[in-house]
Amino acid sequence: MKQSEFLEKNVFNDLENQNNGFDKENSHHFSQSDFNLVLERVEHYGIGIYELITWRNGTFYAVANHVETKKKATDPQWYQKAFLTFKTAQPGLTYAAKFKVSNKLLAR
């Protein structure tokens, strides 16, 4: 199974992609409430998040990554804190992320 297939089936299922053409076609963007579910599912599966990217009204807003926080991509502490910072600083953002699904998960 490919990473994109795994994410569609296990992480993005039942969530609405907010990307209406303002970003790359294969990039998924989510509302704050849907992205909260994405983060819960990512943590459940132990998926890594390299970057958390935010958009406001279809325009790039800000980005955070695990290297800045000196945490592993799979450590939920870094992306939960970044998400909290973004959602309190600016309501109404959409959220995207760069994920890393392990080969072990893909082989299931």
Protein backbone atom coordinates (compact mmCIF):
# COMPACT_ATOMS: atom_id res chain seq x y z
CA MET A 1 0.00 0.00 0.00
CA LYS A 2 1.20 3.52 -0.78
CA GLN A 3 1.38 6.25 1.84
CA SER A 4 -1.34 8.28 0.11
CA GLU A 5 -3.68 5.26 0.10
CA PHE A 6 -3.05 4.59 3.79
CA LEU A 7 -3.75 8.20 4.72
CA GLU A 8 -6.96 8.29 2.64
CA LYS A 9 -8.24 5.06 4.14
CA ASN A 10 -7.21 5.48 7.79
CA VAL A 11 -6.67 9.17 8.52
CA PHE A 12 -8.63 11.32 6.05
CA ASN A 13 -11.75 9.14 5.81
CA ASP A 14 -15.05 10.96 6.52
CA LEU A 15 -13.29 14.35 6.59
CA GLU A 16 -13.80 17.20 4.13
CA ASN A 17 -10.82 18.35 2.06
CA GLN A 18 -10.90 22.18 2.08
CA ASN A 19 -8.41 22.44 -0.80
CA ASN A 20 -10.53 23.87 -3.60
CA GLY A 21 -7.60 24.40 -5.95
CA PHE A 22 -5.53 26.97 -4.04
CA ASP A 23 -2.77 24.41 -3.35
CA LYS A 24 -1.37 21.30 -5.04
CA GLU A 25 -4.07 18.90 -6.18
CA ASN A 26 -2.93 16.03 -3.93
CA SER A 27 -2.62 18.25 -0.84
CA HIS A 28 -5.38 17.85 1.76
CA HIS A 29 -6.45 20.84 3.83
CA PHE A 30 -8.79 20.58 6.78
CA SER A 31 -10.85 22.83 9.01
CA GLN A 32 -9.74 23.19 12.62
CA SER A 33 -12.22 20.57 13.89
CA ASP A 34 -11.37 18.07 11.15
CA PHE A 35 -7.63 18.61 11.63
CA ASN A 36 -8.05 17.87 15.32
CA LEU A 37 -9.39 14.44 14.25
CA VAL A 38 -6.48 14.03 11.83
CA LEU A 39 -4.03 14.61 14.70
CA GLU A 40 -5.85 12.09 16.92
CA ARG A 41 -5.67 9.46 14.17
CA VAL A 42 -2.03 10.25 13.39
CA GLU A 43 -1.14 9.79 17.05
CA HIS A 44 -3.10 6.53 17.21
CA TYR A 45 -1.14 5.05 14.28
CA GLY A 46 2.22 6.55 15.26
CA ILE A 47 2.52 8.45 11.98
CA GLY A 48 5.15 11.16 11.76
CA ILE A 49 4.40 14.77 10.89
CA TYR A 50 7.33 16.70 9.45
CA GLU A 51 5.51 19.98 8.90
CA LEU A 52 2.23 21.56 9.88
CA ILE A 53 1.16 24.15 7.29
CA THR A 54 -1.60 26.70 7.78
CA TRP A 55 -3.60 28.69 5.26
CA ARG A 56 -5.99 31.60 5.64
CA ASN A 57 -8.59 32.21 2.93
CA GLY A 58 -6.53 30.20 0.44
CA THR A 59 -3.31 32.09 1.15
CA PHE A 60 -0.31 30.64 2.94
CA TYR A 61 -0.25 31.76 6.58
CA ALA A 62 2.50 29.97 8.55
CA VAL A 63 4.38 26.73 8.97
CA ALA A 64 5.91 24.81 11.89
CA ASN A 65 8.15 21.76 11.74
CA HIS A 66 9.49 19.16 14.12
CA VAL A 67 13.12 20.21 13.65
CA GLU A 68 12.44 23.66 15.17
CA THR A 69 11.08 22.00 18.30
CA LYS A 70 13.91 19.45 18.47
CA LYS A 71 11.35 16.63 18.63
CA LYS A 72 10.92 13.50 16.55
CA ALA A 73 8.32 13.71 13.79
CA THR A 74 6.32 11.00 15.59
CA ASP A 75 6.24 12.88 18.92
CA PRO A 76 2.69 14.22 19.31
CA GLN A 77 3.93 16.86 21.76
CA TRP A 78 5.37 19.02 18.99
CA TYR A 79 2.44 18.98 16.58
CA GLN A 80 -0.21 19.32 19.30
CA LYS A 81 1.59 22.41 20.63
CA ALA A 82 1.96 23.89 17.14
CA PHE A 83 -1.73 23.25 16.42
CA LEU A 84 -2.75 24.93 19.69
CA THR A 85 -0.53 27.92 18.92
CA PHE A 86 -1.99 28.37 15.43
CA LYS A 87 -5.63 27.94 16.39
CA THR A 88 -5.42 30.40 19.28
CA ALA A 89 -3.43 32.98 17.29
CA GLN A 90 -5.67 33.03 14.23
CA PRO A 91 -9.18 31.53 14.06
CA GLY A 92 -10.48 30.26 10.72
CA LEU A 93 -7.28 28.72 9.38
CA THR A 94 -7.16 25.57 7.30
CA TYR A 95 -4.49 23.02 8.10
CA ALA A 96 -2.29 20.70 6.08
CA ALA A 97 0.68 18.54 7.02
CA LYS A 98 3.55 16.56 5.54
CA PHE A 99 3.26 13.02 6.86
CA LYS A 100 5.53 9.99 7.10
CA VAL A 101 3.85 6.61 7.37
CA SER A 102 6.27 3.86 8.36
CA ASN A 103 6.88 0.90 6.08
CA LYS A 104 5.62 -1.35 8.88
CA LEU A 105 2.20 0.34 8.77
CA LEU A 106 2.13 0.28 4.97
CA ALA A 107 2.81 -3.46 4.97
CA ARG A 108 -0.28 -4.25 7.05
